[in-house]
Amino acid sequence: MGVPRLRQTVLDTEDPRRLAEFYRVLLGLAYRPGDEQVDPEGDDWLVLVGDGGAPALAFQRVESLPHATWPAGERPQMLHLDTTVATAAELAEQHERALGLGATLLHDRSDDPDEPLYVYADPAGHPFCIFVGD
């Protein structure tokens, strides 16, 4: 008997194009063929793919999306994305890139000797991490 295969992670957002652009640049992904053109009627669903064209992240338009209040507050994060880099130097470089792309720093644990990391909110308010790991 087989099991379901994880296809992609879908993020709700009020602005799919803006959020897709953020992750496309941050993670070096590409648009699925046909999604690279802006839809004048509004982009309701966009997909980013990785090497070889495998779906990685998708973005779905919603009317309203309150930002998570992590680490405390009324609205938990529900889901977050973990990304890794190989060294502390790369972590520092990617930290500056993430902020430059529009991420908001939520938590700085870059001085942790066991697992240096930063936690951010993306432009739609979804938390994500960049940490030094395998």
N, C-alpha and C. Protein backbone atom coordinates (compact mmCIF):
# COMPACT_ATOMS: atom_id res chain seq x y z
N MET A 1 0.85 -1.17 0.00
CA MET A 1 0.00 0.00 0.00
C MET A 1 0.89 1.24 0.00
N GLY A 2 0.56 2.20 -0.81
CA GLY A 2 1.32 3.43 -0.88
C GLY A 2 0.84 4.45 0.12
N VAL A 3 1.53 5.56 0.15
CA VAL A 3 1.16 6.68 1.02
C VAL A 3 1.08 7.94 0.17
N PRO A 4 0.32 8.95 0.62
CA PRO A 4 0.28 10.19 -0.13
C PRO A 4 1.68 10.82 -0.18
N ARG A 5 1.94 11.50 -1.27
CA ARG A 5 3.21 12.20 -1.46
C ARG A 5 2.96 13.69 -1.25
N LEU A 6 3.78 14.32 -0.46
CA LEU A 6 3.67 15.76 -0.24
C LEU A 6 4.03 16.48 -1.53
N ARG A 7 3.13 17.26 -2.06
CA ARG A 7 3.35 17.95 -3.32
C ARG A 7 3.97 19.32 -3.11
N GLN A 8 3.37 20.13 -2.25
CA GLN A 8 3.83 21.50 -2.04
C GLN A 8 3.21 22.02 -0.76
N THR A 9 3.73 23.11 -0.27
CA THR A 9 3.14 23.83 0.86
C THR A 9 2.44 25.05 0.30
N VAL A 10 1.20 25.28 0.72
CA VAL A 10 0.40 26.40 0.22
C VAL A 10 0.28 27.44 1.33
N LEU A 11 0.60 28.68 0.99
CA LEU A 11 0.49 29.79 1.93
C LEU A 11 -0.65 30.70 1.51
N ASP A 12 -1.58 30.97 2.43
CA ASP A 12 -2.62 31.95 2.18
C ASP A 12 -2.01 33.35 2.26
N THR A 13 -2.53 34.25 1.43
CA THR A 13 -2.02 35.61 1.40
C THR A 13 -3.04 36.52 0.73
N GLU A 14 -3.03 37.77 1.10
CA GLU A 14 -3.88 38.76 0.44
C GLU A 14 -3.28 39.17 -0.90
N ASP A 15 -1.99 38.94 -1.11
CA ASP A 15 -1.30 39.36 -2.34
C ASP A 15 -0.36 38.24 -2.81
N PRO A 16 -0.90 37.25 -3.55
CA PRO A 16 -0.08 36.12 -3.98
C PRO A 16 1.18 36.51 -4.76
N ARG A 17 1.09 37.48 -5.64
CA ARG A 17 2.27 37.84 -6.44
C ARG A 17 3.38 38.39 -5.55
N ARG A 18 3.04 39.26 -4.63
CA ARG A 18 4.06 39.85 -3.74
C ARG A 18 4.74 38.77 -2.91
N LEU A 19 3.96 37.86 -2.34
CA LEU A 19 4.55 36.82 -1.50
C LEU A 19 5.34 35.82 -2.33
N ALA A 20 4.83 35.48 -3.51
CA ALA A 20 5.57 34.58 -4.40
C ALA A 20 6.90 35.20 -4.79
N GLU A 21 6.92 36.48 -5.10
CA GLU A 21 8.17 37.16 -5.45
C GLU A 21 9.16 37.13 -4.29
N PHE A 22 8.67 37.35 -3.08
CA PHE A 22 9.53 37.31 -1.90
C PHE A 22 10.23 35.95 -1.81
N TYR A 23 9.46 34.86 -1.87
CA TYR A 23 10.06 33.54 -1.74
C TYR A 23 10.84 33.12 -2.98
N ARG A 24 10.42 33.57 -4.15
CA ARG A 24 11.17 33.26 -5.37
C ARG A 24 12.60 33.77 -5.26
N VAL A 25 12.75 35.01 -4.83
CA VAL A 25 14.08 35.59 -4.71
C VAL A 25 14.82 35.01 -3.51
N LEU A 26 14.16 34.92 -2.36
CA LEU A 26 14.83 34.42 -1.15
C LEU A 26 15.36 33.01 -1.34
N LEU A 27 14.56 32.13 -1.95
CA LEU A 27 14.92 30.72 -2.04
C LEU A 27 15.45 30.30 -3.40
N GLY A 28 15.54 31.21 -4.35
CA GLY A 28 16.06 30.88 -5.67
C GLY A 28 15.16 29.93 -6.45
N LEU A 29 13.85 30.08 -6.28
CA LEU A 29 12.89 29.24 -6.99
C LEU A 29 12.48 29.92 -8.29
N ALA A 30 11.64 29.26 -9.07
CA ALA A 30 11.14 29.80 -10.33
C ALA A 30 9.63 29.61 -10.37
N TYR A 31 8.96 30.41 -11.21
CA TYR A 31 7.53 30.22 -11.39
C TYR A 31 7.26 28.98 -12.23
N ARG A 32 6.18 28.32 -11.93
CA ARG A 32 5.67 27.24 -12.78
C ARG A 32 5.36 27.86 -14.14
N PRO A 33 5.63 27.15 -15.23
CA PRO A 33 5.33 27.71 -16.55
C PRO A 33 3.89 28.25 -16.60
N GLY A 34 3.78 29.49 -17.05
CA GLY A 34 2.49 30.17 -17.14
C GLY A 34 2.22 31.11 -15.98
N ASP A 35 2.87 30.89 -14.84
CA ASP A 35 2.65 31.75 -13.68
C ASP A 35 3.56 32.98 -13.65
N GLU A 36 4.55 33.01 -14.55
CA GLU A 36 5.48 34.14 -14.50
C GLU A 36 4.83 35.44 -14.97
N GLN A 37 3.77 35.35 -15.77
CA GLN A 37 3.08 36.55 -16.27
C GLN A 37 2.05 37.02 -15.25
N VAL A 38 2.03 38.32 -14.97
CA VAL A 38 1.05 38.89 -14.05
C VAL A 38 -0.32 38.84 -14.71
N ASP A 39 -1.31 38.35 -13.99
CA ASP A 39 -2.69 38.28 -14.47
C ASP A 39 -3.36 39.62 -14.18
N PRO A 40 -3.81 40.36 -15.22
CA PRO A 40 -4.43 41.66 -14.97
C PRO A 40 -5.71 41.57 -14.14
N GLU A 41 -6.35 40.39 -14.11
CA GLU A 41 -7.54 40.18 -13.29
C GLU A 41 -7.18 39.88 -11.84
N GLY A 42 -5.90 39.68 -11.56
CA GLY A 42 -5.45 39.34 -10.21
C GLY A 42 -4.98 37.91 -10.14
N ASP A 43 -3.88 37.70 -9.49
CA ASP A 43 -3.31 36.36 -9.34
C ASP A 43 -3.92 35.70 -8.11
N ASP A 44 -4.78 34.70 -8.31
CA ASP A 44 -5.42 34.03 -7.18
C ASP A 44 -4.64 32.81 -6.71
N TRP A 45 -3.82 32.23 -7.59
CA TRP A 45 -3.09 31.00 -7.27
C TRP A 45 -1.81 31.00 -8.07
N LEU A 46 -0.67 30.94 -7.40
CA LEU A 46 0.64 30.89 -8.06
C LEU A 46 1.44 29.75 -7.46
N VAL A 47 2.31 29.15 -8.28
CA VAL A 47 3.15 28.05 -7.82
C VAL A 47 4.60 28.36 -8.16
N LEU A 48 5.47 28.13 -7.18
CA LEU A 48 6.91 28.20 -7.40
C LEU A 48 7.46 26.78 -7.42
N VAL A 49 8.42 26.56 -8.31
CA VAL A 49 9.01 25.24 -8.46
C VAL A 49 10.50 25.30 -8.17
N GLY A 50 11.04 24.15 -7.78
CA GLY A 50 12.47 24.01 -7.54
C GLY A 50 13.16 23.43 -8.75
N ASP A 51 14.39 23.00 -8.54
CA ASP A 51 15.16 22.36 -9.61
C ASP A 51 14.38 21.19 -10.18
N GLY A 52 14.37 21.07 -11.47
CA GLY A 52 13.67 19.98 -12.12
C GLY A 52 12.18 20.21 -12.26
N GLY A 53 11.68 21.36 -11.81
CA GLY A 53 10.27 21.69 -11.98
C GLY A 53 9.33 21.13 -10.94
N ALA A 54 9.87 20.54 -9.87
CA ALA A 54 9.00 19.99 -8.82
C ALA A 54 8.36 21.14 -8.03
N PRO A 55 7.03 21.08 -7.80
CA PRO A 55 6.37 22.13 -7.02
C PRO A 55 6.99 22.24 -5.63
N ALA A 56 7.14 23.47 -5.16
CA ALA A 56 7.73 23.70 -3.84
C ALA A 56 6.77 24.47 -2.95
N LEU A 57 6.37 25.66 -3.39
CA LEU A 57 5.45 26.51 -2.62
C LEU A 57 4.36 27.01 -3.55
N ALA A 58 3.15 27.14 -3.01
CA ALA A 58 2.05 27.73 -3.74
C ALA A 58 1.45 28.84 -2.88
N PHE A 59 0.77 29.78 -3.55
CA PHE A 59 0.24 30.96 -2.88
C PHE A 59 -1.21 31.14 -3.33
N GLN A 60 -2.09 31.23 -2.34
CA GLN A 60 -3.53 31.29 -2.59
C GLN A 60 -4.08 32.59 -2.02
N ARG A 61 -4.83 33.32 -2.85
CA ARG A 61 -5.42 34.59 -2.39
C ARG A 61 -6.56 34.33 -1.40
N VAL A 62 -6.55 35.11 -0.33
CA VAL A 62 -7.65 35.14 0.64
C VAL A 62 -8.03 36.60 0.85
N GLU A 63 -9.26 36.82 1.27
CA GLU A 63 -9.76 38.18 1.49
C GLU A 63 -8.99 38.92 2.58
N SER A 64 -8.76 38.22 3.69
CA SER A 64 -8.12 38.86 4.84
C SER A 64 -7.29 37.82 5.57
N LEU A 65 -6.12 38.22 6.00
CA LEU A 65 -5.25 37.30 6.72
C LEU A 65 -4.55 38.05 7.85
N PRO A 66 -5.02 37.87 9.07
CA PRO A 66 -4.33 38.53 10.19
C PRO A 66 -2.96 37.90 10.41
N HIS A 67 -1.97 38.72 10.72
CA HIS A 67 -0.62 38.21 10.97
C HIS A 67 -0.59 37.39 12.26
N ALA A 68 0.24 36.37 12.26
CA ALA A 68 0.46 35.58 13.48
C ALA A 68 1.10 36.49 14.52
N THR A 69 0.83 36.21 15.77
CA THR A 69 1.39 37.01 16.86
C THR A 69 2.50 36.26 17.58
N TRP A 70 3.11 35.28 16.93
CA TRP A 70 4.18 34.51 17.53
C TRP A 70 5.27 35.45 18.01
N PRO A 71 5.87 35.21 19.16
CA PRO A 71 5.81 34.01 20.01
C PRO A 71 4.70 34.03 21.04
N ALA A 72 3.94 35.13 21.16
CA ALA A 72 2.85 35.17 22.14
C ALA A 72 1.66 35.89 21.50
N GLY A 73 0.52 35.76 22.12
CA GLY A 73 -0.64 36.48 21.62
C GLY A 73 -1.76 35.57 21.19
N GLU A 74 -2.76 36.19 20.58
CA GLU A 74 -4.00 35.50 20.25
C GLU A 74 -3.91 34.59 19.02
N ARG A 75 -3.00 34.90 18.08
CA ARG A 75 -2.96 34.15 16.82
C ARG A 75 -1.64 33.40 16.70
N PRO A 76 -1.66 32.08 16.94
CA PRO A 76 -0.44 31.28 16.82
C PRO A 76 0.00 31.19 15.35
N GLN A 77 1.20 30.74 15.14
CA GLN A 77 1.74 30.68 13.79
C GLN A 77 1.11 29.60 12.92
N MET A 78 0.59 28.54 13.49
CA MET A 78 -0.06 27.44 12.78
C MET A 78 0.91 26.63 11.92
N LEU A 79 1.86 27.26 11.25
CA LEU A 79 2.81 26.59 10.38
C LEU A 79 3.95 27.57 10.17
N HIS A 80 5.17 27.04 10.04
CA HIS A 80 6.27 27.91 9.62
C HIS A 80 7.21 27.11 8.75
N LEU A 81 8.00 27.81 7.97
CA LEU A 81 8.97 27.17 7.08
C LEU A 81 10.34 27.25 7.71
N ASP A 82 11.07 26.15 7.71
CA ASP A 82 12.46 26.11 8.16
C ASP A 82 13.36 26.08 6.95
N THR A 83 14.34 26.96 6.92
CA THR A 83 15.36 26.94 5.87
C THR A 83 16.72 26.92 6.56
N THR A 84 17.71 26.34 5.89
CA THR A 84 19.02 26.21 6.50
C THR A 84 20.11 26.76 5.59
N VAL A 85 21.20 27.13 6.24
CA VAL A 85 22.45 27.48 5.57
C VAL A 85 23.55 26.69 6.25
N ALA A 86 24.73 26.63 5.61
CA ALA A 86 25.80 25.76 6.12
C ALA A 86 26.66 26.39 7.20
N THR A 87 26.78 27.72 7.21
CA THR A 87 27.72 28.36 8.14
C THR A 87 27.11 29.61 8.77
N ALA A 88 27.75 30.06 9.86
CA ALA A 88 27.32 31.30 10.51
C ALA A 88 27.51 32.50 9.59
N ALA A 89 28.54 32.47 8.77
CA ALA A 89 28.77 33.57 7.82
C ALA A 89 27.62 33.63 6.81
N GLU A 90 27.17 32.47 6.33
CA GLU A 90 26.03 32.45 5.40
C GLU A 90 24.76 32.91 6.11
N LEU A 91 24.62 32.57 7.38
CA LEU A 91 23.46 33.01 8.15
C LEU A 91 23.41 34.54 8.19
N ALA A 92 24.54 35.15 8.46
CA ALA A 92 24.60 36.62 8.51
C ALA A 92 24.26 37.22 7.15
N GLU A 93 24.76 36.62 6.09
CA GLU A 93 24.48 37.11 4.73
C GLU A 93 23.00 36.98 4.39
N GLN A 94 22.41 35.81 4.70
CA GLN A 94 21.00 35.59 4.39
C GLN A 94 20.08 36.43 5.28
N HIS A 95 20.55 36.73 6.48
CA HIS A 95 19.78 37.62 7.37
C HIS A 95 19.60 38.98 6.70
N GLU A 96 20.67 39.53 6.16
CA GLU A 96 20.60 40.84 5.48
C GLU A 96 19.73 40.75 4.23
N ARG A 97 19.84 39.64 3.47
CA ARG A 97 19.00 39.46 2.29
C ARG A 97 17.53 39.41 2.66
N ALA A 98 17.20 38.62 3.69
CA ALA A 98 15.79 38.47 4.09
C ALA A 98 15.21 39.82 4.49
N LEU A 99 15.94 40.57 5.29
CA LEU A 99 15.45 41.89 5.69
C LEU A 99 15.30 42.81 4.49
N GLY A 100 16.26 42.77 3.58
CA GLY A 100 16.21 43.60 2.38
C GLY A 100 15.04 43.26 1.47
N LEU A 101 14.58 42.00 1.51
CA LEU A 101 13.46 41.57 0.69
C LEU A 101 12.10 41.87 1.33
N GLY A 102 12.12 42.31 2.59
CA GLY A 102 10.88 42.67 3.24
C GLY A 102 10.49 41.82 4.43
N ALA A 103 11.35 40.92 4.86
CA ALA A 103 11.06 40.12 6.06
C ALA A 103 11.16 41.02 7.30
N THR A 104 10.43 40.64 8.33
CA THR A 104 10.49 41.33 9.62
C THR A 104 11.10 40.38 10.64
N LEU A 105 12.13 40.83 11.34
CA LEU A 105 12.77 39.98 12.35
C LEU A 105 11.85 39.83 13.56
N LEU A 106 11.59 38.57 13.95
CA LEU A 106 10.78 38.27 15.12
C LEU A 106 11.61 37.81 16.31
N HIS A 107 12.72 37.11 16.01
CA HIS A 107 13.53 36.53 17.09
C HIS A 107 14.96 36.33 16.60
N ASP A 108 15.90 36.76 17.41
CA ASP A 108 17.32 36.65 17.07
C ASP A 108 17.97 35.68 18.05
N ARG A 109 18.36 34.52 17.55
CA ARG A 109 19.11 33.56 18.34
C ARG A 109 20.40 33.23 17.60
N SER A 110 20.95 34.23 16.91
CA SER A 110 22.13 34.02 16.09
C SER A 110 23.38 33.73 16.91
N ASP A 111 23.34 34.03 18.20
CA ASP A 111 24.50 33.76 19.06
C ASP A 111 24.43 32.42 19.77
N ASP A 112 23.42 31.61 19.47
CA ASP A 112 23.30 30.29 20.07
C ASP A 112 24.42 29.39 19.54
N PRO A 113 25.27 28.85 20.41
CA PRO A 113 26.40 28.06 19.92
C PRO A 113 25.98 26.71 19.30
N ASP A 114 24.82 26.19 19.68
CA ASP A 114 24.39 24.89 19.16
C ASP A 114 23.57 24.99 17.87
N GLU A 115 22.76 26.01 17.76
CA GLU A 115 21.91 26.16 16.57
C GLU A 115 21.58 27.63 16.37
N PRO A 116 22.52 28.38 15.77
CA PRO A 116 22.24 29.79 15.51
C PRO A 116 21.08 29.94 14.53
N LEU A 117 20.17 30.87 14.83
CA LEU A 117 19.02 31.05 13.95
C LEU A 117 18.40 32.42 14.10
N TYR A 118 17.62 32.77 13.08
CA TYR A 118 16.75 33.93 13.09
C TYR A 118 15.35 33.45 12.75
N VAL A 119 14.35 34.07 13.38
CA VAL A 119 12.96 33.83 13.03
C VAL A 119 12.41 35.14 12.48
N TYR A 120 11.71 35.06 11.34
CA TYR A 120 11.17 36.23 10.67
C TYR A 120 9.69 36.04 10.41
N ALA A 121 9.03 37.13 10.03
CA ALA A 121 7.72 37.08 9.39
C ALA A 121 7.93 37.50 7.95
N ASP A 122 7.32 36.75 7.02
CA ASP A 122 7.39 37.15 5.62
C ASP A 122 6.44 38.34 5.41
N PRO A 123 6.37 38.91 4.22
CA PRO A 123 5.51 40.08 4.03
C PRO A 123 4.02 39.86 4.31
N ALA A 124 3.56 38.60 4.30
CA ALA A 124 2.17 38.31 4.64
C ALA A 124 2.00 37.97 6.11
N GLY A 125 3.09 37.93 6.88
CA GLY A 125 3.02 37.64 8.31
C GLY A 125 3.28 36.21 8.69
N HIS A 126 3.60 35.32 7.73
CA HIS A 126 3.91 33.93 8.05
C HIS A 126 5.32 33.84 8.63
N PRO A 127 5.49 33.21 9.79
CA PRO A 127 6.83 33.03 10.33
C PRO A 127 7.65 32.03 9.51
N PHE A 128 8.94 32.28 9.43
CA PHE A 128 9.89 31.34 8.83
C PHE A 128 11.23 31.52 9.52
N CYS A 129 12.05 30.48 9.48
CA CYS A 129 13.34 30.48 10.14
C CYS A 129 14.47 30.28 9.11
N ILE A 130 15.60 30.88 9.42
CA ILE A 130 16.84 30.54 8.74
C ILE A 130 17.80 30.16 9.86
N PHE A 131 18.36 28.96 9.76
CA PHE A 131 19.31 28.54 10.80
C PHE A 131 20.46 27.75 10.18
N VAL A 132 21.52 27.63 10.96
CA VAL A 132 22.67 26.86 10.55
C VAL A 132 22.39 25.40 10.86
N GLY A 133 22.42 24.57 9.81
CA GLY A 133 22.12 23.16 9.99
C GLY A 133 22.59 22.36 8.79
N ASP A 134 22.40 21.06 8.87
CA ASP A 134 22.84 20.16 7.79
C ASP A 134 21.94 20.33 6.58
